[in-house]
């Protein structure tokens, strides 16, 4: 096909599905077909050990080698589930998996890092197969506990930093995040703060949500700065970030105007209010953004004065729009995710 230039473009599509899953006319269905659904996630993490990677972002943020113990509860969606396929970050170092009785379970996970010369040898395939015996029956609950280590730049992004069902697109679930960190640092996460305690040189901060959400995420900031405004007609909007490196309070505040303007525009255009009680915007050392329910990750480069306003406005508007498209109106399956 001509692409407006001198080189032709050939586009190929391939769809693989089982005959029994198709519509009567032979076309593929759009419904996802996971064998289990994610119900609840409880994460206990310790982030006090420096990681190996270099610093990132305007805040010159150094990574932490996090220790994670995650308890995940699934519910079987069909009879005869003898194994679950889970997704976990490729660089998560899986140390143990236990069932509800505390017995160790085997897991199948392929180490892809050994196949490529220019790829980090720590990398694994993100898919983990966990056999289960006897097979689960419809509606039966499966409780698994995972111990792993993962180097993160002080933020949990997407839904691959904790185990989730590989076959599912996004499954609403409740959750709890408890992280041990150094004094002088502060945690923000999806949900509401429930407790905080300090023992010597370690502080534990806990957030939880009883309202099912698509993904859990967090931001941990050293020397944090936080500012909250209450725009008319909108929930309170808070900007939060670390004041290290080249980052400072004035730059953190620069994102508030764009976030509030985008939220007001979409709320008026879609004629539906933001359902979250607040909108928490956290700056992370990255070049991308990520939208959770009532909680945003924005790359701290968006606060830089040298960034063109159209670029900043477009990225922020994109992430704010996910409060409607993605969280209030999610996609049914991967076939319409591109929308």
C-alpha atoms as a PDB file:
ATOM      1  CA  UNK A   1       0.000   0.000   0.000  1.00  0.00           C
ATOM      2  CA  UNK A   2       1.350   3.452  -0.795  1.00  0.00           C
ATOM      3  CA  UNK A   3       2.222   5.373   2.392  1.00  0.00           C
ATOM      4  CA  UNK A   4       2.578   8.819   0.874  1.00  0.00           C
ATOM      5  CA  UNK A   5       6.249   8.189   0.166  1.00  0.00           C
ATOM      6  CA  UNK A   6       8.467   6.118  -2.060  1.00  0.00           C
ATOM      7  CA  UNK A   7       8.359   2.939   0.032  1.00  0.00           C
ATOM      8  CA  UNK A   8       5.341   0.636  -0.001  1.00  0.00           C
ATOM      9  CA  UNK A   9       4.012  -0.619   3.335  1.00  0.00           C
ATOM     10  CA  UNK A  10       2.644  -4.112   3.868  1.00  0.00           C
ATOM     11  CA  UNK A  11       0.553  -4.657   6.993  1.00  0.00           C
ATOM     12  CA  UNK A  12      -0.202  -8.174   8.219  1.00  0.00           C
ATOM     13  CA  UNK A  13      -2.639  -9.311  10.911  1.00  0.00           C
ATOM     14  CA  UNK A  14      -2.819 -12.654  12.662  1.00  0.00           C
ATOM     15  CA  UNK A  15      -5.492 -13.765  15.127  1.00  0.00           C
ATOM     16  CA  UNK A  16      -5.189 -17.000  17.079  1.00  0.00           C
ATOM     17  CA  UNK A  17      -8.213 -18.316  18.962  1.00  0.00           C
ATOM     18  CA  UNK A  18      -9.960 -21.602  19.639  1.00  0.00           C
ATOM     19  CA  UNK A  19     -12.949 -22.633  17.479  1.00  0.00           C
ATOM     20  CA  UNK A  20     -15.127 -23.185  20.553  1.00  0.00           C
ATOM     21  CA  UNK A  21     -14.538 -19.550  21.614  1.00  0.00           C
ATOM     22  CA  UNK A  22     -15.795 -18.023  18.358  1.00  0.00           C
ATOM     23  CA  UNK A  23     -19.164 -16.518  17.516  1.00  0.00           C
ATOM     24  CA  UNK A  24     -21.694 -18.544  15.521  1.00  0.00           C
ATOM     25  CA  UNK A  25     -20.612 -16.800  12.304  1.00  0.00           C
ATOM     26  CA  UNK A  26     -16.985 -17.823  12.886  1.00  0.00           C
ATOM     27  CA  UNK A  27     -15.670 -14.418  13.922  1.00  0.00           C
ATOM     28  CA  UNK A  28     -13.509 -14.154  17.073  1.00  0.00           C
ATOM     29  CA  UNK A  29     -15.115 -13.110  20.315  1.00  0.00           C
ATOM     30  CA  UNK A  30     -14.018  -9.959  22.151  1.00  0.00           C
ATOM     31  CA  UNK A  31     -14.542 -11.263  25.679  1.00  0.00           C
ATOM     32  CA  UNK A  32     -11.428 -12.080  27.711  1.00  0.00           C
ATOM     33  CA  UNK A  33     -11.105 -15.661  28.895  1.00  0.00           C
ATOM     34  CA  UNK A  34      -9.072 -15.731  32.132  1.00  0.00           C
ATOM     35  CA  UNK A  35      -9.328 -18.850  34.284  1.00  0.00           C
ATOM     36  CA  UNK A  36      -9.024 -16.913  37.561  1.00  0.00           C
ATOM     37  CA  UNK A  37      -9.921 -13.415  38.689  1.00  0.00           C
ATOM     38  CA  UNK A  38      -7.805 -11.234  40.942  1.00  0.00           C
ATOM     39  CA  UNK A  39      -9.666 -10.349  44.157  1.00  0.00           C
ATOM     40  CA  UNK A  40      -7.211  -8.762  46.590  1.00  0.00           C
ATOM     41  CA  UNK A  41      -3.520  -7.860  46.861  1.00  0.00           C
ATOM     42  CA  UNK A  42      -1.560  -7.149  50.058  1.00  0.00           C
ATOM     43  CA  UNK A  43       2.025  -5.946  49.655  1.00  0.00           C
ATOM     44  CA  UNK A  44       4.597  -5.691  52.453  1.00  0.00           C
ATOM     45  CA  UNK A  45       7.792  -4.141  51.152  1.00  0.00           C
ATOM     46  CA  UNK A  46      11.089  -2.919  52.498  1.00  0.00           C
ATOM     47  CA  UNK A  47      12.879  -0.232  50.479  1.00  0.00           C
ATOM     48  CA  UNK A  48      16.005   0.815  52.369  1.00  0.00           C
ATOM     49  CA  UNK A  49      18.847  -0.745  50.339  1.00  0.00           C
ATOM     50  CA  UNK A  50      20.315   1.305  47.451  1.00  0.00           C
ATOM     51  CA  UNK A  51      20.065  -0.262  44.010  1.00  0.00           C
ATOM     52  CA  UNK A  52      22.773  -0.670  41.382  1.00  0.00           C
ATOM     53  CA  UNK A  53      21.444   1.597  38.640  1.00  0.00           C
ATOM     54  CA  UNK A  54      22.384   5.257  38.162  1.00  0.00           C
ATOM     55  CA  UNK A  55      20.155   8.163  39.186  1.00  0.00           C
ATOM     56  CA  UNK A  56      17.320   9.392  36.976  1.00  0.00           C
ATOM     57  CA  UNK A  57      15.179  12.443  36.413  1.00  0.00           C
ATOM     58  CA  UNK A  58      15.366  16.064  37.515  1.00  0.00           C
ATOM     59  CA  UNK A  59      15.326  14.856  41.099  1.00  0.00           C
ATOM     60  CA  UNK A  60      18.428  12.699  40.555  1.00  0.00           C
ATOM     61  CA  UNK A  61      16.549   9.820  42.146  1.00  0.00           C
ATOM     62  CA  UNK A  62      18.562   6.714  42.999  1.00  0.00           C
ATOM     63  CA  UNK A  63      16.823   3.322  42.845  1.00  0.00           C
ATOM     64  CA  UNK A  64      16.104   1.091  45.809  1.00  0.00           C
ATOM     65  CA  UNK A  65      16.527  -2.676  45.865  1.00  0.00           C
ATOM     66  CA  UNK A  66      13.090  -3.497  47.221  1.00  0.00           C
ATOM     67  CA  UNK A  67      12.183  -6.636  49.153  1.00  0.00           C
ATOM     68  CA  UNK A  68       8.557  -7.598  48.496  1.00  0.00           C
ATOM     69  CA  UNK A  69       6.223 -10.090  50.150  1.00  0.00           C
ATOM     70  CA  UNK A  70       2.907 -10.093  48.284  1.00  0.00           C
ATOM     71  CA  UNK A  71      -0.198 -12.034  49.267  1.00  0.00           C
ATOM     72  CA  UNK A  72      -2.573 -12.433  46.343  1.00  0.00           C
ATOM     73  CA  UNK A  73      -6.092 -13.862  46.427  1.00  0.00           C
ATOM     74  CA  UNK A  74      -7.655 -15.282  43.260  1.00  0.00           C
ATOM     75  CA  UNK A  75     -11.040 -16.835  42.538  1.00  0.00           C
ATOM     76  CA  UNK A  76     -11.442 -19.635  39.980  1.00  0.00           C
ATOM     77  CA  UNK A  77     -13.703 -18.783  37.037  1.00  0.00           C
ATOM     78  CA  UNK A  78     -14.070 -22.375  35.840  1.00  0.00           C
ATOM     79  CA  UNK A  79     -13.635 -25.959  36.970  1.00  0.00           C
ATOM     80  CA  UNK A  80     -10.384 -27.852  36.618  1.00  0.00           C
ATOM     81  CA  UNK A  81      -7.867 -25.017  36.971  1.00  0.00           C
ATOM     82  CA  UNK A  82      -4.601 -26.903  37.477  1.00  0.00           C
ATOM     83  CA  UNK A  83      -2.244 -23.957  37.013  1.00  0.00           C
ATOM     84  CA  UNK A  84      -2.312 -20.186  36.901  1.00  0.00           C
ATOM     85  CA  UNK A  85      -0.312 -17.999  34.523  1.00  0.00           C
ATOM     86  CA  UNK A  86       0.842 -14.822  36.234  1.00  0.00           C
ATOM     87  CA  UNK A  87       2.648 -11.701  35.081  1.00  0.00           C
ATOM     88  CA  UNK A  88       5.570 -10.161  36.990  1.00  0.00           C
ATOM     89  CA  UNK A  89       8.238  -7.630  36.082  1.00  0.00           C
ATOM     90  CA  UNK A  90      11.021  -9.286  34.012  1.00  0.00           C
ATOM     91  CA  UNK A  91      13.689  -8.188  36.497  1.00  0.00           C
ATOM     92  CA  UNK A  92      11.851  -9.282  39.614  1.00  0.00           C
ATOM     93  CA  UNK A  93      14.000 -11.909  41.341  1.00  0.00           C
ATOM     94  CA  UNK A  94      11.497 -14.490  42.500  1.00  0.00           C
ATOM     95  CA  UNK A  95      12.682 -16.225  45.670  1.00  0.00           C
ATOM     96  CA  UNK A  96       9.688 -18.260  46.896  1.00  0.00           C
ATOM     97  CA  UNK A  97       5.999 -18.989  46.336  1.00  0.00           C
ATOM     98  CA  UNK A  98       3.816 -20.440  49.099  1.00  0.00           C
ATOM     99  CA  UNK A  99       0.205 -21.570  49.268  1.00  0.00           C
ATOM    100  CA  UNK A 100      -2.279 -20.791  52.053  1.00  0.00           C
ATOM    101  CA  UNK A 101      -0.807 -23.574  54.214  1.00  0.00           C
ATOM    102  CA  UNK A 102       2.697 -22.161  53.937  1.00  0.00           C
ATOM    103  CA  UNK A 103       3.930 -24.951  51.686  1.00  0.00           C
ATOM    104  CA  UNK A 104       6.373 -24.091  48.915  1.00  0.00           C
ATOM    105  CA  UNK A 105       5.145 -24.261  45.330  1.00  0.00           C
ATOM    106  CA  UNK A 106       7.140 -24.796  42.175  1.00  0.00           C
ATOM    107  CA  UNK A 107       7.058 -22.223  39.407  1.00  0.00           C
ATOM    108  CA  UNK A 108       8.069 -22.275  35.758  1.00  0.00           C
ATOM    109  CA  UNK A 109       9.787 -19.133  34.528  1.00  0.00           C
ATOM    110  CA  UNK A 110      12.146 -18.776  31.574  1.00  0.00           C
ATOM    111  CA  UNK A 111      15.278 -16.674  31.891  1.00  0.00           C
ATOM    112  CA  UNK A 112      15.450 -14.659  28.684  1.00  0.00           C
ATOM    113  CA  UNK A 113      18.472 -12.592  29.663  1.00  0.00           C
ATOM    114  CA  UNK A 114      20.837 -15.413  28.714  1.00  0.00           C
ATOM    115  CA  UNK A 115      19.738 -15.336  25.076  1.00  0.00           C
ATOM    116  CA  UNK A 116      20.875 -11.854  24.045  1.00  0.00           C
ATOM    117  CA  UNK A 117      24.312 -10.332  24.318  1.00  0.00           C
ATOM    118  CA  UNK A 118      23.113  -6.779  24.766  1.00  0.00           C
ATOM    119  CA  UNK A 119      20.324  -7.501  27.224  1.00  0.00           C
ATOM    120  CA  UNK A 120      20.573  -7.565  30.991  1.00  0.00           C
ATOM    121  CA  UNK A 121      21.181 -11.183  31.986  1.00  0.00           C
ATOM    122  CA  UNK A 122      18.843 -10.759  34.955  1.00  0.00           C
ATOM    123  CA  UNK A 123      15.824 -10.503  32.662  1.00  0.00           C
ATOM    124  CA  UNK A 124      13.145 -13.200  32.719  1.00  0.00           C
ATOM    125  CA  UNK A 125      10.025 -13.842  30.730  1.00  0.00           C
ATOM    126  CA  UNK A 126       7.246 -11.877  32.498  1.00  0.00           C
ATOM    127  CA  UNK A 127       5.033 -14.998  32.548  1.00  0.00           C
ATOM    128  CA  UNK A 128       5.178 -17.298  35.577  1.00  0.00           C
ATOM    129  CA  UNK A 129       3.351 -20.645  35.521  1.00  0.00           C
ATOM    130  CA  UNK A 130       2.334 -21.865  38.979  1.00  0.00           C
ATOM    131  CA  UNK A 131       0.903 -25.430  38.997  1.00  0.00           C
ATOM    132  CA  UNK A 132      -1.793 -26.181  41.562  1.00  0.00           C
ATOM    133  CA  UNK A 133      -2.947 -29.565  42.822  1.00  0.00           C
ATOM    134  CA  UNK A 134      -5.696 -30.603  43.189  1.00  0.00           C
ATOM    135  CA  UNK A 135      -7.269 -28.494  40.417  1.00  0.00           C
ATOM    136  CA  UNK A 136      -9.493 -25.623  41.513  1.00  0.00           C
ATOM    137  CA  UNK A 137     -13.253 -25.745  41.113  1.00  0.00           C
ATOM    138  CA  UNK A 138     -15.499 -22.901  39.985  1.00  0.00           C
ATOM    139  CA  UNK A 139     -15.626 -20.208  42.663  1.00  0.00           C
ATOM    140  CA  UNK A 140     -12.833 -21.722  44.774  1.00  0.00           C
ATOM    141  CA  UNK A 141     -10.342 -19.275  46.306  1.00  0.00           C
ATOM    142  CA  UNK A 142      -6.593 -19.544  45.726  1.00  0.00           C
ATOM    143  CA  UNK A 143      -4.244 -17.698  48.099  1.00  0.00           C
ATOM    144  CA  UNK A 144      -0.603 -17.364  47.075  1.00  0.00           C
ATOM    145  CA  UNK A 145       2.322 -15.579  48.744  1.00  0.00           C
ATOM    146  CA  UNK A 146       5.268 -14.357  46.684  1.00  0.00           C
ATOM    147  CA  UNK A 147       8.700 -13.312  47.943  1.00  0.00           C
ATOM    148  CA  UNK A 148      10.777 -11.393  45.444  1.00  0.00           C
ATOM    149  CA  UNK A 149      13.261  -8.571  45.063  1.00  0.00           C
ATOM    150  CA  UNK A 150      12.907  -5.819  42.494  1.00  0.00           C
ATOM    151  CA  UNK A 151      14.958  -2.691  41.917  1.00  0.00           C
ATOM    152  CA  UNK A 152      12.644   0.288  41.472  1.00  0.00           C
ATOM    153  CA  UNK A 153      13.125   4.029  41.180  1.00  0.00           C
ATOM    154  CA  UNK A 154      10.927   4.477  44.260  1.00  0.00           C
ATOM    155  CA  UNK A 155       7.668   4.046  42.395  1.00  0.00           C
ATOM    156  CA  UNK A 156       5.422   1.097  41.614  1.00  0.00           C
ATOM    157  CA  UNK A 157       4.093   1.491  38.079  1.00  0.00           C
ATOM    158  CA  UNK A 158       1.493  -0.316  36.011  1.00  0.00           C
ATOM    159  CA  UNK A 159       0.423  -3.735  37.254  1.00  0.00           C
ATOM    160  CA  UNK A 160       3.631  -5.742  36.774  1.00  0.00           C
ATOM    161  CA  UNK A 161       5.471  -4.886  39.996  1.00  0.00           C
ATOM    162  CA  UNK A 162       3.155  -7.312  41.806  1.00  0.00           C
ATOM    163  CA  UNK A 163       1.795 -10.651  40.468  1.00  0.00           C
ATOM    164  CA  UNK A 164      -1.414 -10.473  38.430  1.00  0.00           C
ATOM    165  CA  UNK A 165      -3.257 -12.863  36.129  1.00  0.00           C
ATOM    166  CA  UNK A 166      -1.509 -12.962  32.762  1.00  0.00           C
ATOM    167  CA  UNK A 167      -4.644 -13.709  30.725  1.00  0.00           C
ATOM    168  CA  UNK A 168      -6.764 -10.906  32.155  1.00  0.00           C
ATOM    169  CA  UNK A 169      -6.772  -7.387  30.765  1.00  0.00           C
ATOM    170  CA  UNK A 170      -7.474  -5.489  33.972  1.00  0.00           C
ATOM    171  CA  UNK A 171      -9.380  -6.985  36.879  1.00  0.00           C
ATOM    172  CA  UNK A 172     -10.695  -4.620  39.578  1.00  0.00           C
ATOM    173  CA  UNK A 173      -9.361  -5.649  42.980  1.00  0.00           C
ATOM    174  CA  UNK A 174      -8.887  -4.267  46.465  1.00  0.00           C
ATOM    175  CA  UNK A 175      -5.448  -3.811  47.918  1.00  0.00           C
ATOM    176  CA  UNK A 176      -3.066  -2.745  50.656  1.00  0.00           C
ATOM    177  CA  UNK A 177       0.479  -1.378  50.331  1.00  0.00           C
ATOM    178  CA  UNK A 178       2.794  -1.257  53.358  1.00  0.00           C
ATOM    179  CA  UNK A 179       6.360  -0.034  52.767  1.00  0.00           C
ATOM    180  CA  UNK A 180       9.243   0.287  55.205  1.00  0.00           C
ATOM    181  CA  UNK A 181      11.522   3.217  54.347  1.00  0.00           C
ATOM    182  CA  UNK A 182      13.966   5.716  55.805  1.00  0.00           C
ATOM    183  CA  UNK A 183      12.897   8.720  57.930  1.00  0.00           C
ATOM    184  CA  UNK A 184      12.630  11.884  55.867  1.00  0.00           C
ATOM    185  CA  UNK A 185      10.938   9.968  53.075  1.00  0.00           C
ATOM    186  CA  UNK A 186       7.185   9.902  52.460  1.00  0.00           C
ATOM    187  CA  UNK A 187       4.898   7.420  50.728  1.00  0.00           C
ATOM    188  CA  UNK A 188       1.873   8.131  48.542  1.00  0.00           C
ATOM    189  CA  UNK A 189      -0.158   5.279  47.079  1.00  0.00           C
ATOM    190  CA  UNK A 190      -3.507   4.322  45.581  1.00  0.00           C
ATOM    191  CA  UNK A 191      -6.111   4.374  48.351  1.00  0.00           C
ATOM    192  CA  UNK A 192      -6.067   6.139  51.695  1.00  0.00           C
ATOM    193  CA  UNK A 193      -3.383   6.250  54.405  1.00  0.00           C
ATOM    194  CA  UNK A 194      -4.327   3.889  57.227  1.00  0.00           C
ATOM    195  CA  UNK A 195      -1.314   3.894  59.548  1.00  0.00           C
ATOM    196  CA  UNK A 196       2.282   4.954  60.053  1.00  0.00           C
ATOM    197  CA  UNK A 197       4.808   3.839  62.658  1.00  0.00           C
ATOM    198  CA  UNK A 198       8.502   4.336  63.339  1.00  0.00           C
ATOM    199  CA  UNK A 199      10.980   1.945  64.923  1.00  0.00           C
ATOM    200  CA  UNK A 200      14.481   3.359  65.175  1.00  0.00           C
ATOM    201  CA  UNK A 201      15.718   4.243  61.700  1.00  0.00           C
ATOM    202  CA  UNK A 202      12.806   2.620  59.880  1.00  0.00           C
ATOM    203  CA  UNK A 203       9.345   4.041  59.134  1.00  0.00           C
ATOM    204  CA  UNK A 204       6.422   1.947  57.889  1.00  0.00           C
ATOM    205  CA  UNK A 205       3.663   3.688  55.910  1.00  0.00           C
ATOM    206  CA  UNK A 206       0.448   1.906  54.941  1.00  0.00           C
ATOM    207  CA  UNK A 207      -2.179   2.729  52.292  1.00  0.00           C
ATOM    208  CA  UNK A 208      -5.283   0.669  51.498  1.00  0.00           C
ATOM    209  CA  UNK A 209      -8.320   0.758  49.242  1.00  0.00           C
ATOM    210  CA  UNK A 210     -11.610  -1.032  49.844  1.00  0.00           C
ATOM    211  CA  UNK A 211     -12.950   0.194  46.513  1.00  0.00           C
ATOM    212  CA  UNK A 212     -11.919  -2.181  43.696  1.00  0.00           C
ATOM    213  CA  UNK A 213      -9.366  -0.557  41.423  1.00  0.00           C
ATOM    214  CA  UNK A 214      -7.725  -1.573  38.166  1.00  0.00           C
ATOM    215  CA  UNK A 215      -4.122  -1.182  39.386  1.00  0.00           C
ATOM    216  CA  UNK A 216      -2.154  -0.397  42.518  1.00  0.00           C
ATOM    217  CA  UNK A 217       0.719   2.059  42.448  1.00  0.00           C
ATOM    218  CA  UNK A 218       2.896   4.105  44.773  1.00  0.00           C
ATOM    219  CA  UNK A 219       5.491   6.877  44.896  1.00  0.00           C
ATOM    220  CA  UNK A 220       8.179   7.157  47.551  1.00  0.00           C
ATOM    221  CA  UNK A 221       9.880  10.557  47.777  1.00  0.00           C
ATOM    222  CA  UNK A 222      12.926  11.744  49.709  1.00  0.00           C
ATOM    223  CA  UNK A 223      12.711  15.275  51.125  1.00  0.00           C
ATOM    224  CA  UNK A 224       9.135  15.489  49.846  1.00  0.00           C
ATOM    225  CA  UNK A 225       7.165  18.591  48.983  1.00  0.00           C
ATOM    226  CA  UNK A 226       3.380  18.557  48.859  1.00  0.00           C
ATOM    227  CA  UNK A 227       0.821  21.205  47.950  1.00  0.00           C
ATOM    228  CA  UNK A 228      -2.983  20.888  47.767  1.00  0.00           C
ATOM    229  CA  UNK A 229      -5.541  23.150  46.106  1.00  0.00           C
ATOM    230  CA  UNK A 230      -9.330  22.859  46.136  1.00  0.00           C
ATOM    231  CA  UNK A 231     -10.639  24.033  42.742  1.00  0.00           C
ATOM    232  CA  UNK A 232     -14.311  24.893  42.525  1.00  0.00           C
ATOM    233  CA  UNK A 233     -16.310  21.990  41.118  1.00  0.00           C
ATOM    234  CA  UNK A 234     -13.423  19.522  41.396  1.00  0.00           C
ATOM    235  CA  UNK A 235     -12.100  17.286  44.158  1.00  0.00           C
ATOM    236  CA  UNK A 236      -8.930  18.478  45.926  1.00  0.00           C
ATOM    237  CA  UNK A 237      -5.834  18.200  43.721  1.00  0.00           C
ATOM    238  CA  UNK A 238      -2.462  17.497  45.339  1.00  0.00           C
ATOM    239  CA  UNK A 239       0.987  17.679  43.748  1.00  0.00           C
ATOM    240  CA  UNK A 240       3.749  15.636  45.416  1.00  0.00           C
ATOM    241  CA  UNK A 241       7.396  15.009  44.651  1.00  0.00           C
ATOM    242  CA  UNK A 242      10.967  14.824  45.917  1.00  0.00           C
ATOM    243  CA  UNK A 243      13.041  17.999  46.310  1.00  0.00           C
ATOM    244  CA  UNK A 244      16.374  16.458  45.447  1.00  0.00           C
ATOM    245  CA  UNK A 245      18.736  17.016  42.537  1.00  0.00           C
ATOM    246  CA  UNK A 246      17.433  19.820  40.336  1.00  0.00           C
ATOM    247  CA  UNK A 247      13.859  19.477  41.543  1.00  0.00           C
ATOM    248  CA  UNK A 248      12.332  22.131  43.820  1.00  0.00           C
ATOM    249  CA  UNK A 249       8.862  23.155  45.103  1.00  0.00           C
ATOM    250  CA  UNK A 250       8.200  25.733  42.402  1.00  0.00           C
ATOM    251  CA  UNK A 251       8.677  23.150  39.686  1.00  0.00           C
ATOM    252  CA  UNK A 252       6.396  20.669  41.442  1.00  0.00           C
ATOM    253  CA  UNK A 253       3.693  23.328  41.578  1.00  0.00           C
ATOM    254  CA  UNK A 254       3.902  23.964  37.826  1.00  0.00           C
ATOM    255  CA  UNK A 255       1.992  20.793  37.000  1.00  0.00           C
ATOM    256  CA  UNK A 256      -1.030  21.779  39.107  1.00  0.00           C
ATOM    257  CA  UNK A 257      -2.402  24.349  36.669  1.00  0.00           C
ATOM    258  CA  UNK A 258      -2.354  21.928  33.734  1.00  0.00           C
ATOM    259  CA  UNK A 259      -3.869  19.082  35.771  1.00  0.00           C
ATOM    260  CA  UNK A 260      -6.702  21.269  37.065  1.00  0.00           C
ATOM    261  CA  UNK A 261      -7.372  22.708  33.605  1.00  0.00           C
ATOM    262  CA  UNK A 262      -7.505  19.263  32.009  1.00  0.00           C
ATOM    263  CA  UNK A 263      -9.734  17.843  34.753  1.00  0.00           C
ATOM    264  CA  UNK A 264     -12.178  20.727  34.439  1.00  0.00           C
ATOM    265  CA  UNK A 265     -12.250  20.454  30.626  1.00  0.00           C
ATOM    266  CA  UNK A 266     -12.936  16.708  30.599  1.00  0.00           C
ATOM    267  CA  UNK A 267     -15.473  16.907  33.414  1.00  0.00           C
ATOM    268  CA  UNK A 268     -17.446  19.547  31.514  1.00  0.00           C
ATOM    269  CA  UNK A 269     -17.086  17.766  28.165  1.00  0.00           C
ATOM    270  CA  UNK A 270     -18.032  14.295  29.427  1.00  0.00           C
ATOM    271  CA  UNK A 271     -20.660  15.655  31.863  1.00  0.00           C
ATOM    272  CA  UNK A 272     -19.456  13.289  34.559  1.00  0.00           C
ATOM    273  CA  UNK A 273     -17.557  14.218  37.684  1.00  0.00           C
ATOM    274  CA  UNK A 274     -14.334  12.588  38.795  1.00  0.00           C
ATOM    275  CA  UNK A 275     -15.444   9.837  41.148  1.00  0.00           C
ATOM    276  CA  UNK A 276     -12.308   9.802  43.297  1.00  0.00           C
ATOM    277  CA  UNK A 277     -12.431  11.845  46.513  1.00  0.00           C
ATOM    278  CA  UNK A 278      -9.141  13.489  45.507  1.00  0.00           C
ATOM    279  CA  UNK A 279      -6.709  13.604  42.605  1.00  0.00           C
ATOM    280  CA  UNK A 280      -3.138  12.961  43.742  1.00  0.00           C
ATOM    281  CA  UNK A 281      -0.398  13.856  41.246  1.00  0.00           C
ATOM    282  CA  UNK A 282       3.078  12.491  41.976  1.00  0.00           C
ATOM    283  CA  UNK A 283       6.261  13.253  40.058  1.00  0.00           C
ATOM    284  CA  UNK A 284       8.519  10.307  39.271  1.00  0.00           C
ATOM    285  CA  UNK A 285      11.989  10.086  37.632  1.00  0.00           C
ATOM    286  CA  UNK A 286      10.756   9.009  34.206  1.00  0.00           C
ATOM    287  CA  UNK A 287       9.842  10.216  30.731  1.00  0.00           C
ATOM    288  CA  UNK A 288       6.354   8.703  30.824  1.00  0.00           C
ATOM    289  CA  UNK A 289       3.130   8.942  32.801  1.00  0.00           C
ATOM    290  CA  UNK A 290       0.791   6.389  34.346  1.00  0.00           C
ATOM    291  CA  UNK A 291      -2.809   6.888  35.460  1.00  0.00           C
ATOM    292  CA  UNK A 292      -4.285   5.037  38.420  1.00  0.00           C
ATOM    293  CA  UNK A 293      -7.703   5.623  39.933  1.00  0.00           C
ATOM    294  CA  UNK A 294      -7.412   9.065  41.565  1.00  0.00           C
ATOM    295  CA  UNK A 295      -3.612   8.810  41.456  1.00  0.00           C
ATOM    296  CA  UNK A 296      -1.205   9.935  38.727  1.00  0.00           C
ATOM    297  CA  UNK A 297       2.437   9.277  37.933  1.00  0.00           C
ATOM    298  CA  UNK A 298       3.930  12.090  35.842  1.00  0.00           C
ATOM    299  CA  UNK A 299       7.524  12.130  34.648  1.00  0.00           C
ATOM    300  CA  UNK A 300       9.317  14.929  36.510  1.00  0.00           C
ATOM    301  CA  UNK A 301      10.595  16.266  33.193  1.00  0.00           C
ATOM    302  CA  UNK A 302       7.087  17.744  32.800  1.00  0.00           C
ATOM    303  CA  UNK A 303       7.976  20.254  35.501  1.00  0.00           C
ATOM    304  CA  UNK A 304      11.051  21.530  33.659  1.00  0.00           C
ATOM    305  CA  UNK A 305      10.929  25.106  32.413  1.00  0.00           C
ATOM    306  CA  UNK A 306      12.620  24.181  29.130  1.00  0.00           C
ATOM    307  CA  UNK A 307       9.852  21.765  28.111  1.00  0.00           C
ATOM    308  CA  UNK A 308       7.516  23.281  25.475  1.00  0.00           C
ATOM    309  CA  UNK A 309       4.051  24.008  26.864  1.00  0.00           C
ATOM    310  CA  UNK A 310       2.217  22.024  24.121  1.00  0.00           C
ATOM    311  CA  UNK A 311       4.186  18.890  25.022  1.00  0.00           C
ATOM    312  CA  UNK A 312       3.512  19.316  28.739  1.00  0.00           C
ATOM    313  CA  UNK A 313      -0.186  20.019  28.195  1.00  0.00           C
ATOM    314  CA  UNK A 314      -0.665  17.041  25.890  1.00  0.00           C
ATOM    315  CA  UNK A 315       0.993  14.501  28.194  1.00  0.00           C
ATOM    316  CA  UNK A 316      -0.820  15.740  31.300  1.00  0.00           C
ATOM    317  CA  UNK A 317      -4.182  15.859  29.502  1.00  0.00           C
ATOM    318  CA  UNK A 318      -3.637  12.284  28.304  1.00  0.00           C
ATOM    319  CA  UNK A 319      -3.076  10.982  31.839  1.00  0.00           C
ATOM    320  CA  UNK A 320      -5.938  12.988  33.357  1.00  0.00           C
ATOM    321  CA  UNK A 321      -8.326  11.664  30.680  1.00  0.00           C
ATOM    322  CA  UNK A 322      -7.726   8.128  31.967  1.00  0.00           C
ATOM    323  CA  UNK A 323      -9.823   9.011  35.027  1.00  0.00           C
ATOM    324  CA  UNK A 324     -12.741   8.551  32.612  1.00  0.00           C
ATOM    325  CA  UNK A 325     -11.369   6.435  29.754  1.00  0.00           C
ATOM    326  CA  UNK A 326      -9.645   3.453  31.279  1.00  0.00           C
ATOM    327  CA  UNK A 327     -10.912   3.588  34.861  1.00  0.00           C
ATOM    328  CA  UNK A 328     -14.596   4.494  34.481  1.00  0.00           C
ATOM    329  CA  UNK A 329     -14.937   2.993  30.992  1.00  0.00           C
ATOM    330  CA  UNK A 330     -12.301   0.249  30.555  1.00  0.00           C
ATOM    331  CA  UNK A 331     -11.765  -1.895  27.482  1.00  0.00           C
ATOM    332  CA  UNK A 332     -13.428  -5.297  27.249  1.00  0.00           C
ATOM    333  CA  UNK A 333     -10.372  -7.122  25.914  1.00  0.00           C
ATOM    334  CA  UNK A 334      -7.093  -6.631  24.101  1.00  0.00           C
ATOM    335  CA  UNK A 335      -8.994  -6.435  20.800  1.00  0.00           C
ATOM    336  CA  UNK A 336     -10.364  -2.981  21.632  1.00  0.00           C
ATOM    337  CA  UNK A 337      -7.623  -1.801  23.985  1.00  0.00           C
ATOM    338  CA  UNK A 338      -6.209   0.407  21.223  1.00  0.00           C
ATOM    339  CA  UNK A 339      -9.290   2.600  21.461  1.00  0.00           C
END
